[in-house]
Every structure is written in C-alpha cells, then in structure tokens.
C-alpha cells in the first residue's frame, strides 16, 4: 500500500479507509514523519496536513483516525482519545519555535492588546498562564492569524507565534522583547513543556488495535531513524522553512524532545493543574494510553 501525502478536505478524507493520520507541516514534526514520507519506514496510511488547530478539529470530528494534536486538546476530550506512548513535541528549556514577541517590556503589557495565533491551542493557554504567574500582567488577548510580514496594527504591541513562523520571526530581530515559552516554563516549574501529543480515536483503536499498533511502531521507527539522520533532514528542508541549514540542525538537535517520559508527563500534568486552578479546565484523572506491546 502506498503512502499518500498532503490529502486535504473532507472529500479527500473519504477516498478510502486506510488509516488517516494527521501531520503538522512544521519543522518540529519532520523527525516523526520524515522516514515514512521518504519510504524508509513503511506505513500504509494517508497523511493529512494541517495546523495544530485544524488537526485537533479533524480528529475530534472523526475525519482523522490518529494524529499529532495539541496537548490541551487531549486534556479537553480524554473520553475521545488514547495517547500513543513515547511520542510528543516537547522541550526541556528554550524551544525557539513557541515565542511571544513584544514591542514593550513584558511588565508593561497591562492594558495593552496582544495577538495570539489561532493555529495553536496549547500555546495560547500557556502564554496566558506565564504572563500572569511570571509577570503579573493580563493584557487584552486578541485571537487571529498574524500577518506574514509581522506589521502589527498600531494598537497591538505583541504577538504569539509558533512553528516555522516563530523561528523566522526570531531570526528577523524585528521585536526587542522575546519570551521563549519553553524557557519560561522551565524557569517556573523546572519541568519539560509538552506542546503536542500523538493520539488515536478510541473508537478507531477498539475496531483496529493491530493497525494502530503497526502505525505506532512505524512512527517510533521513523523517529529513531530521523534522530540519527538530522543532518540529512536539515539539508533537505531548510530552504522550505526559510532558515540556514545550521539553524535547522541546531533547532532539531538541541531544542526539541520527541519523547513522552514520566518527567514529560509530570510537566504536562502540572500545566493542566494550573489551568484547572484558573478555572479553565477539568484535569483528566489520568493519562490513558493504547495497550503496551513492548515498543
């Protein structure tokens, strides 16, 4: 069975019933999907590209079977999903691709307007927590798609960016004040920050457990191969991202973690507990995973 990449829209999703797997087309997802896309690791599925917010919605509505999703999406709907072990997009310190950029010092944000990208869910909740707990400010948050040229409206002094857009914005040095959400979370909690997880719909897993485990093994194998070949990935994708090859390699090698260890789960649990204390979420009693097969 061949891999189809980039299918989008409801019509494409109904072409056949091979497993439909979601992917964010950001640099931070390359190590989990690259070897599959290149045919190095076999995975009979359709890969559907989208932003984190789009993939959250597609998986929630059953238009995907398995996907990377925002960590907060899982926490909001634990009855719909099961987590895949050992897969996440996380950091244990500065991440460089989840940034709040400001024209004024963070302590001066009270009473100002800031723009939060709608392409992310976890990061929007995290920046609200960090500005409150670290800087004791609550600006007026406006959600929308930031302009690609980053010329904000006159009344807007800050913007939250994620993914490749954040990496390019930092390189442009257009903003004098940059808050790296991964670094700030580390300073606040001394724990990793988990931005995204891989999840499968419970109903799909119940009907297709072996297929789910095959996909899980393929994703893990792709991750393992890619982490041993990051130079090849950086060389191939840096032009698409708009960064130097060295910048891409350093980001993938030094900033990201793709694991979901007990310590990562502790960091995620702390984040969800803070949201619950703020009245924004009911924390899941526990994290529910697909059955272990010794992978």
C-alpha atoms as a PDB file:
ATOM      1  CA  UNK A   1       0.000   0.000   0.000  1.00  0.00           C
ATOM      2  CA  UNK A   2       1.496   3.343  -0.947  1.00  0.00           C
ATOM      3  CA  UNK A   3       1.663   6.453   1.200  1.00  0.00           C
ATOM      4  CA  UNK A   4      -0.346   9.457   0.082  1.00  0.00           C
ATOM      5  CA  UNK A   5       0.856  12.778   1.428  1.00  0.00           C
ATOM      6  CA  UNK A   6      -0.987  16.063   1.606  1.00  0.00           C
ATOM      7  CA  UNK A   7      -4.587  15.000   1.173  1.00  0.00           C
ATOM      8  CA  UNK A   8      -6.841  17.768   2.439  1.00  0.00           C
ATOM      9  CA  UNK A   9     -10.548  18.370   2.832  1.00  0.00           C
ATOM     10  CA  UNK A  10     -13.495  16.146   3.572  1.00  0.00           C
ATOM     11  CA  UNK A  11     -13.743  14.768   0.028  1.00  0.00           C
ATOM     12  CA  UNK A  12     -10.138  13.544   0.141  1.00  0.00           C
ATOM     13  CA  UNK A  13     -10.670  12.001   3.524  1.00  0.00           C
ATOM     14  CA  UNK A  14     -13.440   9.793   2.120  1.00  0.00           C
ATOM     15  CA  UNK A  15     -11.402   8.355  -0.753  1.00  0.00           C
ATOM     16  CA  UNK A  16     -10.777   5.082   1.048  1.00  0.00           C
ATOM     17  CA  UNK A  17     -10.449   3.708   4.553  1.00  0.00           C
ATOM     18  CA  UNK A  18      -6.766   3.355   5.006  1.00  0.00           C
ATOM     19  CA  UNK A  19      -5.914   4.950   8.359  1.00  0.00           C
ATOM     20  CA  UNK A  20      -5.945   8.736   8.137  1.00  0.00           C
ATOM     21  CA  UNK A  21      -3.025  10.249  10.015  1.00  0.00           C
ATOM     22  CA  UNK A  22      -2.610  13.950  10.759  1.00  0.00           C
ATOM     23  CA  UNK A  23       0.664  15.849  10.490  1.00  0.00           C
ATOM     24  CA  UNK A  24       1.641  19.468  11.131  1.00  0.00           C
ATOM     25  CA  UNK A  25       3.817  20.646   8.266  1.00  0.00           C
ATOM     26  CA  UNK A  26       6.294  22.367  10.569  1.00  0.00           C
ATOM     27  CA  UNK A  27       9.968  21.617  11.028  1.00  0.00           C
ATOM     28  CA  UNK A  28       9.234  20.290  14.517  1.00  0.00           C
ATOM     29  CA  UNK A  29       7.233  17.374  13.066  1.00  0.00           C
ATOM     30  CA  UNK A  30       9.818  16.284  10.498  1.00  0.00           C
ATOM     31  CA  UNK A  31      11.651  13.775  12.727  1.00  0.00           C
ATOM     32  CA  UNK A  32       8.488  11.778  13.340  1.00  0.00           C
ATOM     33  CA  UNK A  33       7.302  11.668   9.712  1.00  0.00           C
ATOM     34  CA  UNK A  34      10.379  12.088   7.519  1.00  0.00           C
ATOM     35  CA  UNK A  35      11.407   8.436   7.225  1.00  0.00           C
ATOM     36  CA  UNK A  36       7.800   7.460   6.499  1.00  0.00           C
ATOM     37  CA  UNK A  37       7.421  10.107   3.816  1.00  0.00           C
ATOM     38  CA  UNK A  38      10.706   9.031   2.216  1.00  0.00           C
ATOM     39  CA  UNK A  39       9.632   5.380   2.165  1.00  0.00           C
ATOM     40  CA  UNK A  40      12.431   4.366   4.543  1.00  0.00           C
ATOM     41  CA  UNK A  41       9.822   3.194   7.049  1.00  0.00           C
ATOM     42  CA  UNK A  42       6.667   1.623   5.630  1.00  0.00           C
ATOM     43  CA  UNK A  43       3.326   2.886   6.940  1.00  0.00           C
ATOM     44  CA  UNK A  44       0.141   2.136   4.952  1.00  0.00           C
ATOM     45  CA  UNK A  45      -1.865   5.288   5.599  1.00  0.00           C
ATOM     46  CA  UNK A  46      -2.942   8.644   4.267  1.00  0.00           C
ATOM     47  CA  UNK A  47      -1.142  11.628   5.753  1.00  0.00           C
ATOM     48  CA  UNK A  48      -3.233  14.775   6.072  1.00  0.00           C
ATOM     49  CA  UNK A  49      -1.505  18.106   6.652  1.00  0.00           C
ATOM     50  CA  UNK A  50      -2.929  20.906   8.765  1.00  0.00           C
ATOM     51  CA  UNK A  51      -2.215  23.401  11.507  1.00  0.00           C
ATOM     52  CA  UNK A  52      -2.448  22.140  15.093  1.00  0.00           C
ATOM     53  CA  UNK A  53      -5.898  23.694  15.450  1.00  0.00           C
ATOM     54  CA  UNK A  54      -7.108  22.142  12.197  1.00  0.00           C
ATOM     55  CA  UNK A  55      -5.845  18.693  13.167  1.00  0.00           C
ATOM     56  CA  UNK A  56      -7.481  18.991  16.598  1.00  0.00           C
ATOM     57  CA  UNK A  57     -10.820  19.575  14.897  1.00  0.00           C
ATOM     58  CA  UNK A  58     -10.387  16.832  12.288  1.00  0.00           C
ATOM     59  CA  UNK A  59      -9.521  14.200  14.884  1.00  0.00           C
ATOM     60  CA  UNK A  60     -12.300  15.332  17.210  1.00  0.00           C
ATOM     61  CA  UNK A  61     -14.845  15.057  14.390  1.00  0.00           C
ATOM     62  CA  UNK A  62     -13.614  11.636  13.262  1.00  0.00           C
ATOM     63  CA  UNK A  63     -12.180  12.878   9.965  1.00  0.00           C
ATOM     64  CA  UNK A  64      -8.798  11.593  11.109  1.00  0.00           C
ATOM     65  CA  UNK A  65      -8.091   8.334  12.899  1.00  0.00           C
ATOM     66  CA  UNK A  66      -4.760   9.168  14.501  1.00  0.00           C
ATOM     67  CA  UNK A  67      -2.873  12.442  14.697  1.00  0.00           C
ATOM     68  CA  UNK A  68      -0.489  14.732  16.451  1.00  0.00           C
ATOM     69  CA  UNK A  69      -2.723  17.121  18.417  1.00  0.00           C
ATOM     70  CA  UNK A  70      -2.354  19.898  20.944  1.00  0.00           C
ATOM     71  CA  UNK A  71      -1.766  18.581  24.450  1.00  0.00           C
ATOM     72  CA  UNK A  72      -4.680  20.706  25.588  1.00  0.00           C
ATOM     73  CA  UNK A  73      -6.980  19.105  23.001  1.00  0.00           C
ATOM     74  CA  UNK A  74      -6.328  15.731  24.598  1.00  0.00           C
ATOM     75  CA  UNK A  75      -6.989  17.151  28.065  1.00  0.00           C
ATOM     76  CA  UNK A  76     -10.291  18.665  26.972  1.00  0.00           C
ATOM     77  CA  UNK A  77     -11.569  15.441  25.400  1.00  0.00           C
ATOM     78  CA  UNK A  78      -9.932  12.452  27.134  1.00  0.00           C
ATOM     79  CA  UNK A  79     -13.087  10.435  26.513  1.00  0.00           C
ATOM     80  CA  UNK A  80     -12.414  10.606  22.756  1.00  0.00           C
ATOM     81  CA  UNK A  81      -8.716   9.774  22.620  1.00  0.00           C
ATOM     82  CA  UNK A  82      -5.989   7.375  23.694  1.00  0.00           C
ATOM     83  CA  UNK A  83      -2.365   8.535  23.761  1.00  0.00           C
ATOM     84  CA  UNK A  84       0.467   6.841  21.872  1.00  0.00           C
ATOM     85  CA  UNK A  85       3.450   6.149  24.161  1.00  0.00           C
ATOM     86  CA  UNK A  86       6.852   7.750  23.605  1.00  0.00           C
ATOM     87  CA  UNK A  87       5.682  10.400  21.155  1.00  0.00           C
ATOM     88  CA  UNK A  88       5.382  14.126  21.822  1.00  0.00           C
ATOM     89  CA  UNK A  89       6.622  17.529  20.747  1.00  0.00           C
ATOM     90  CA  UNK A  90       8.228  18.941  23.853  1.00  0.00           C
ATOM     91  CA  UNK A  91      11.208  20.832  25.212  1.00  0.00           C
ATOM     92  CA  UNK A  92      13.186  20.972  28.438  1.00  0.00           C
ATOM     93  CA  UNK A  93      14.258  24.582  28.279  1.00  0.00           C
ATOM     94  CA  UNK A  94      14.278  27.067  25.367  1.00  0.00           C
ATOM     95  CA  UNK A  95      12.329  25.832  22.353  1.00  0.00           C
ATOM     96  CA  UNK A  96      12.719  28.782  19.915  1.00  0.00           C
ATOM     97  CA  UNK A  97       9.568  27.895  17.964  1.00  0.00           C
ATOM     98  CA  UNK A  98       6.941  28.967  20.515  1.00  0.00           C
ATOM     99  CA  UNK A  99       7.542  32.643  21.139  1.00  0.00           C
ATOM    100  CA  UNK A 100       5.780  35.707  22.449  1.00  0.00           C
ATOM    101  CA  UNK A 101       7.284  38.777  20.772  1.00  0.00           C
ATOM    102  CA  UNK A 102       6.667  42.250  22.135  1.00  0.00           C
ATOM    103  CA  UNK A 103       7.442  45.856  21.355  1.00  0.00           C
ATOM    104  CA  UNK A 104       7.366  46.768  25.063  1.00  0.00           C
ATOM    105  CA  UNK A 105       8.777  45.090  28.191  1.00  0.00           C
ATOM    106  CA  UNK A 106       6.579  42.265  29.440  1.00  0.00           C
ATOM    107  CA  UNK A 107       5.937  44.044  32.737  1.00  0.00           C
ATOM    108  CA  UNK A 108       4.399  46.916  30.729  1.00  0.00           C
ATOM    109  CA  UNK A 109       1.810  44.779  28.915  1.00  0.00           C
ATOM    110  CA  UNK A 110      -1.063  45.562  31.301  1.00  0.00           C
ATOM    111  CA  UNK A 111      -3.758  47.445  29.425  1.00  0.00           C
ATOM    112  CA  UNK A 112      -2.255  46.697  26.015  1.00  0.00           C
ATOM    113  CA  UNK A 113      -3.508  44.494  23.183  1.00  0.00           C
ATOM    114  CA  UNK A 114      -1.622  41.396  22.045  1.00  0.00           C
ATOM    115  CA  UNK A 115      -2.361  38.986  19.211  1.00  0.00           C
ATOM    116  CA  UNK A 116      -2.475  35.225  19.770  1.00  0.00           C
ATOM    117  CA  UNK A 117      -2.214  32.969  16.743  1.00  0.00           C
ATOM    118  CA  UNK A 118      -5.258  30.764  16.259  1.00  0.00           C
ATOM    119  CA  UNK A 119      -3.117  27.988  14.778  1.00  0.00           C
ATOM    120  CA  UNK A 120      -2.216  26.810  18.291  1.00  0.00           C
ATOM    121  CA  UNK A 121      -4.242  25.729  21.317  1.00  0.00           C
ATOM    122  CA  UNK A 122      -1.724  24.729  23.982  1.00  0.00           C
ATOM    123  CA  UNK A 123       0.476  27.783  23.426  1.00  0.00           C
ATOM    124  CA  UNK A 124      -2.431  30.217  23.714  1.00  0.00           C
ATOM    125  CA  UNK A 125      -3.300  28.814  27.131  1.00  0.00           C
ATOM    126  CA  UNK A 126       0.347  28.686  28.201  1.00  0.00           C
ATOM    127  CA  UNK A 127       1.150  32.324  27.400  1.00  0.00           C
ATOM    128  CA  UNK A 128      -1.822  33.482  29.482  1.00  0.00           C
ATOM    129  CA  UNK A 129      -0.518  31.475  32.440  1.00  0.00           C
ATOM    130  CA  UNK A 130       3.073  32.650  32.055  1.00  0.00           C
ATOM    131  CA  UNK A 131       2.278  36.349  31.739  1.00  0.00           C
ATOM    132  CA  UNK A 132       0.102  36.107  34.828  1.00  0.00           C
ATOM    133  CA  UNK A 133       2.389  33.997  37.020  1.00  0.00           C
ATOM    134  CA  UNK A 134       5.755  35.339  35.911  1.00  0.00           C
ATOM    135  CA  UNK A 135       4.999  38.988  35.134  1.00  0.00           C
ATOM    136  CA  UNK A 136       1.658  39.577  36.907  1.00  0.00           C
ATOM    137  CA  UNK A 137       0.101  41.170  33.833  1.00  0.00           C
ATOM    138  CA  UNK A 138      -3.052  40.394  31.889  1.00  0.00           C
ATOM    139  CA  UNK A 139      -3.197  42.226  28.567  1.00  0.00           C
ATOM    140  CA  UNK A 140      -6.185  42.132  26.264  1.00  0.00           C
ATOM    141  CA  UNK A 141      -5.799  38.984  24.203  1.00  0.00           C
ATOM    142  CA  UNK A 142      -6.983  39.064  20.597  1.00  0.00           C
ATOM    143  CA  UNK A 143      -7.046  35.802  18.647  1.00  0.00           C
ATOM    144  CA  UNK A 144      -6.324  35.803  14.937  1.00  0.00           C
ATOM    145  CA  UNK A 145      -3.830  34.958  12.203  1.00  0.00           C
ATOM    146  CA  UNK A 146      -0.756  37.200  12.440  1.00  0.00           C
ATOM    147  CA  UNK A 147       0.224  38.919   9.170  1.00  0.00           C
ATOM    148  CA  UNK A 148       3.120  37.202   7.440  1.00  0.00           C
ATOM    149  CA  UNK A 149       5.123  40.445   7.343  1.00  0.00           C
ATOM    150  CA  UNK A 150       4.541  40.941  11.104  1.00  0.00           C
ATOM    151  CA  UNK A 151       3.441  44.557  10.777  1.00  0.00           C
ATOM    152  CA  UNK A 152       1.003  44.636  13.671  1.00  0.00           C
ATOM    153  CA  UNK A 153      -1.859  47.107  13.893  1.00  0.00           C
ATOM    154  CA  UNK A 154      -0.881  50.312  15.744  1.00  0.00           C
ATOM    155  CA  UNK A 155      -2.761  49.368  18.925  1.00  0.00           C
ATOM    156  CA  UNK A 156      -1.204  45.872  19.114  1.00  0.00           C
ATOM    157  CA  UNK A 157       2.151  45.590  20.885  1.00  0.00           C
ATOM    158  CA  UNK A 158       2.783  41.847  20.985  1.00  0.00           C
ATOM    159  CA  UNK A 159       2.165  38.591  19.140  1.00  0.00           C
ATOM    160  CA  UNK A 160       2.320  34.854  19.910  1.00  0.00           C
ATOM    161  CA  UNK A 161       3.833  32.777  17.113  1.00  0.00           C
ATOM    162  CA  UNK A 162       4.526  29.057  16.787  1.00  0.00           C
ATOM    163  CA  UNK A 163       6.383  26.730  14.458  1.00  0.00           C
ATOM    164  CA  UNK A 164       8.362  27.892  11.462  1.00  0.00           C
ATOM    165  CA  UNK A 165       6.855  31.391  11.682  1.00  0.00           C
ATOM    166  CA  UNK A 166       8.299  31.804  15.181  1.00  0.00           C
ATOM    167  CA  UNK A 167      11.726  30.576  14.091  1.00  0.00           C
ATOM    168  CA  UNK A 168      11.812  33.067  11.218  1.00  0.00           C
ATOM    169  CA  UNK A 169      10.489  35.933  13.355  1.00  0.00           C
ATOM    170  CA  UNK A 170      13.252  35.430  15.910  1.00  0.00           C
ATOM    171  CA  UNK A 171      15.874  35.386  13.170  1.00  0.00           C
ATOM    172  CA  UNK A 172      14.481  38.658  11.761  1.00  0.00           C
ATOM    173  CA  UNK A 173      15.143  40.501  15.064  1.00  0.00           C
ATOM    174  CA  UNK A 174      12.056  42.643  14.469  1.00  0.00           C
ATOM    175  CA  UNK A 175      10.983  42.619  18.133  1.00  0.00           C
ATOM    176  CA  UNK A 176      13.142  43.847  21.030  1.00  0.00           C
ATOM    177  CA  UNK A 177      11.485  41.610  23.639  1.00  0.00           C
ATOM    178  CA  UNK A 178      11.142  37.872  23.087  1.00  0.00           C
ATOM    179  CA  UNK A 179       9.675  35.418  25.578  1.00  0.00           C
ATOM    180  CA  UNK A 180      10.502  31.801  24.817  1.00  0.00           C
ATOM    181  CA  UNK A 181       7.597  29.854  26.345  1.00  0.00           C
ATOM    182  CA  UNK A 182       9.680  26.714  26.812  1.00  0.00           C
ATOM    183  CA  UNK A 183      12.393  28.587  28.703  1.00  0.00           C
ATOM    184  CA  UNK A 184       9.885  30.479  30.824  1.00  0.00           C
ATOM    185  CA  UNK A 185       8.040  27.274  31.748  1.00  0.00           C
ATOM    186  CA  UNK A 186      11.326  25.611  32.694  1.00  0.00           C
ATOM    187  CA  UNK A 187      12.241  28.545  34.955  1.00  0.00           C
ATOM    188  CA  UNK A 188       8.810  28.457  36.574  1.00  0.00           C
ATOM    189  CA  UNK A 189       8.484  24.697  37.163  1.00  0.00           C
ATOM    190  CA  UNK A 190      11.860  23.045  36.418  1.00  0.00           C
ATOM    191  CA  UNK A 191       9.909  20.601  34.227  1.00  0.00           C
ATOM    192  CA  UNK A 192       9.660  19.882  30.495  1.00  0.00           C
ATOM    193  CA  UNK A 193       6.935  21.575  28.492  1.00  0.00           C
ATOM    194  CA  UNK A 194       4.756  19.302  26.333  1.00  0.00           C
ATOM    195  CA  UNK A 195       3.112  21.162  23.472  1.00  0.00           C
ATOM    196  CA  UNK A 196       1.692  18.276  21.445  1.00  0.00           C
ATOM    197  CA  UNK A 197       0.996  14.566  21.738  1.00  0.00           C
ATOM    198  CA  UNK A 198       0.004  11.761  19.378  1.00  0.00           C
ATOM    199  CA  UNK A 199      -3.457  10.320  19.926  1.00  0.00           C
ATOM    200  CA  UNK A 200      -5.843   7.850  18.313  1.00  0.00           C
ATOM    201  CA  UNK A 201      -9.605   7.964  18.455  1.00  0.00           C
ATOM    202  CA  UNK A 202     -10.848   5.404  20.973  1.00  0.00           C
ATOM    203  CA  UNK A 203     -13.422   4.021  18.553  1.00  0.00           C
ATOM    204  CA  UNK A 204     -10.801   3.510  15.846  1.00  0.00           C
ATOM    205  CA  UNK A 205      -8.469   1.755  18.262  1.00  0.00           C
ATOM    206  CA  UNK A 206     -11.261  -0.510  19.533  1.00  0.00           C
ATOM    207  CA  UNK A 207     -12.026  -1.646  15.982  1.00  0.00           C
ATOM    208  CA  UNK A 208      -8.429  -1.656  14.674  1.00  0.00           C
ATOM    209  CA  UNK A 209      -5.972  -2.344  17.509  1.00  0.00           C
ATOM    210  CA  UNK A 210      -3.386  -4.140  15.373  1.00  0.00           C
ATOM    211  CA  UNK A 211      -3.457  -1.452  12.687  1.00  0.00           C
ATOM    212  CA  UNK A 212      -2.999   1.187  15.379  1.00  0.00           C
ATOM    213  CA  UNK A 213      -0.015  -0.636  16.850  1.00  0.00           C
ATOM    214  CA  UNK A 214       1.555  -1.010  13.391  1.00  0.00           C
ATOM    215  CA  UNK A 215       1.229   2.739  12.852  1.00  0.00           C
ATOM    216  CA  UNK A 216       2.633   3.426  16.300  1.00  0.00           C
ATOM    217  CA  UNK A 217       5.645   1.215  15.605  1.00  0.00           C
ATOM    218  CA  UNK A 218       6.154   2.958  12.271  1.00  0.00           C
ATOM    219  CA  UNK A 219       6.099   6.407  13.877  1.00  0.00           C
ATOM    220  CA  UNK A 220       8.589   5.286  16.522  1.00  0.00           C
ATOM    221  CA  UNK A 221      10.834   3.736  13.887  1.00  0.00           C
ATOM    222  CA  UNK A 222      10.662   6.912  11.821  1.00  0.00           C
ATOM    223  CA  UNK A 223      11.553   8.970  14.892  1.00  0.00           C
ATOM    224  CA  UNK A 224      14.522   6.746  15.712  1.00  0.00           C
ATOM    225  CA  UNK A 225      15.854   6.805  12.138  1.00  0.00           C
ATOM    226  CA  UNK A 226      15.373  10.555  11.816  1.00  0.00           C
ATOM    227  CA  UNK A 227      17.141  11.382  15.080  1.00  0.00           C
ATOM    228  CA  UNK A 228      20.156   9.504  13.715  1.00  0.00           C
ATOM    229  CA  UNK A 229      19.979  11.435  10.437  1.00  0.00           C
ATOM    230  CA  UNK A 230      19.143  15.005  11.401  1.00  0.00           C
ATOM    231  CA  UNK A 231      21.838  16.418   9.095  1.00  0.00           C
ATOM    232  CA  UNK A 232      20.024  14.947   6.085  1.00  0.00           C
ATOM    233  CA  UNK A 233      16.691  16.382   7.222  1.00  0.00           C
ATOM    234  CA  UNK A 234      18.124  19.844   7.872  1.00  0.00           C
ATOM    235  CA  UNK A 235      19.842  19.880   4.478  1.00  0.00           C
ATOM    236  CA  UNK A 236      16.640  18.954   2.684  1.00  0.00           C
ATOM    237  CA  UNK A 237      14.087  21.151   4.466  1.00  0.00           C
ATOM    238  CA  UNK A 238      15.925  24.321   5.462  1.00  0.00           C
ATOM    239  CA  UNK A 239      15.029  26.088   2.229  1.00  0.00           C
ATOM    240  CA  UNK A 240      11.338  25.406   2.744  1.00  0.00           C
ATOM    241  CA  UNK A 241      11.482  26.699   6.293  1.00  0.00           C
ATOM    242  CA  UNK A 242      13.483  29.789   5.353  1.00  0.00           C
ATOM    243  CA  UNK A 243      16.397  29.202   7.747  1.00  0.00           C
ATOM    244  CA  UNK A 244      20.003  28.177   7.321  1.00  0.00           C
ATOM    245  CA  UNK A 245      20.870  24.510   7.360  1.00  0.00           C
ATOM    246  CA  UNK A 246      22.832  25.009  10.601  1.00  0.00           C
ATOM    247  CA  UNK A 247      19.907  26.800  12.286  1.00  0.00           C
ATOM    248  CA  UNK A 248      17.558  23.932  11.378  1.00  0.00           C
ATOM    249  CA  UNK A 249      20.014  21.324  12.638  1.00  0.00           C
ATOM    250  CA  UNK A 250      20.632  23.125  15.927  1.00  0.00           C
ATOM    251  CA  UNK A 251      16.888  23.511  16.479  1.00  0.00           C
ATOM    252  CA  UNK A 252      16.133  19.843  15.877  1.00  0.00           C
ATOM    253  CA  UNK A 253      19.123  18.584  17.841  1.00  0.00           C
ATOM    254  CA  UNK A 254      19.272  20.988  20.785  1.00  0.00           C
ATOM    255  CA  UNK A 255      15.813  22.372  21.391  1.00  0.00           C
ATOM    256  CA  UNK A 256      13.241  19.631  20.843  1.00  0.00           C
ATOM    257  CA  UNK A 257      12.307  16.430  22.605  1.00  0.00           C
ATOM    258  CA  UNK A 258      10.050  13.880  20.932  1.00  0.00           C
ATOM    259  CA  UNK A 259       9.669  11.672  23.999  1.00  0.00           C
ATOM    260  CA  UNK A 260       6.819  11.315  26.477  1.00  0.00           C
ATOM    261  CA  UNK A 261       8.668  10.117  29.560  1.00  0.00           C
ATOM    262  CA  UNK A 262       7.299  10.148  33.133  1.00  0.00           C
ATOM    263  CA  UNK A 263       9.008  13.505  33.616  1.00  0.00           C
ATOM    264  CA  UNK A 264       7.339  14.896  30.488  1.00  0.00           C
ATOM    265  CA  UNK A 265       4.005  13.677  31.802  1.00  0.00           C
ATOM    266  CA  UNK A 266       4.728  15.367  35.123  1.00  0.00           C
ATOM    267  CA  UNK A 267       5.286  18.641  33.276  1.00  0.00           C
ATOM    268  CA  UNK A 268       2.076  18.197  31.319  1.00  0.00           C
ATOM    269  CA  UNK A 269       0.135  17.342  34.465  1.00  0.00           C
ATOM    270  CA  UNK A 270       1.451  20.482  36.192  1.00  0.00           C
ATOM    271  CA  UNK A 271       0.337  22.619  33.242  1.00  0.00           C
ATOM    272  CA  UNK A 272      -3.150  21.121  33.278  1.00  0.00           C
ATOM    273  CA  UNK A 273      -3.426  21.544  37.046  1.00  0.00           C
ATOM    274  CA  UNK A 274      -2.584  25.231  36.699  1.00  0.00           C
ATOM    275  CA  UNK A 275      -5.305  25.607  34.092  1.00  0.00           C
ATOM    276  CA  UNK A 276      -7.746  23.848  36.397  1.00  0.00           C
ATOM    277  CA  UNK A 277      -6.809  26.182  39.256  1.00  0.00           C
ATOM    278  CA  UNK A 278      -7.517  29.105  36.914  1.00  0.00           C
ATOM    279  CA  UNK A 279     -10.971  27.670  36.212  1.00  0.00           C
ATOM    280  CA  UNK A 280     -10.213  26.928  32.560  1.00  0.00           C
ATOM    281  CA  UNK A 281     -10.089  23.129  32.535  1.00  0.00           C
ATOM    282  CA  UNK A 282     -11.070  19.991  34.393  1.00  0.00           C
ATOM    283  CA  UNK A 283      -7.866  17.977  34.584  1.00  0.00           C
ATOM    284  CA  UNK A 284      -8.119  14.334  33.441  1.00  0.00           C
ATOM    285  CA  UNK A 285      -7.737  11.923  36.353  1.00  0.00           C
ATOM    286  CA  UNK A 286      -5.024  10.091  34.463  1.00  0.00           C
ATOM    287  CA  UNK A 287      -3.469   9.803  31.027  1.00  0.00           C
ATOM    288  CA  UNK A 288      -4.922   6.926  29.003  1.00  0.00           C
ATOM    289  CA  UNK A 289      -2.679   5.106  26.515  1.00  0.00           C
ATOM    290  CA  UNK A 290      -3.095   2.359  23.971  1.00  0.00           C
ATOM    291  CA  UNK A 291      -2.012  -1.015  25.331  1.00  0.00           C
ATOM    292  CA  UNK A 292       1.732  -1.529  25.608  1.00  0.00           C
ATOM    293  CA  UNK A 293       3.316  -4.008  23.200  1.00  0.00           C
ATOM    294  CA  UNK A 294       6.846  -3.601  24.401  1.00  0.00           C
ATOM    295  CA  UNK A 295       7.759  -0.926  21.889  1.00  0.00           C
END
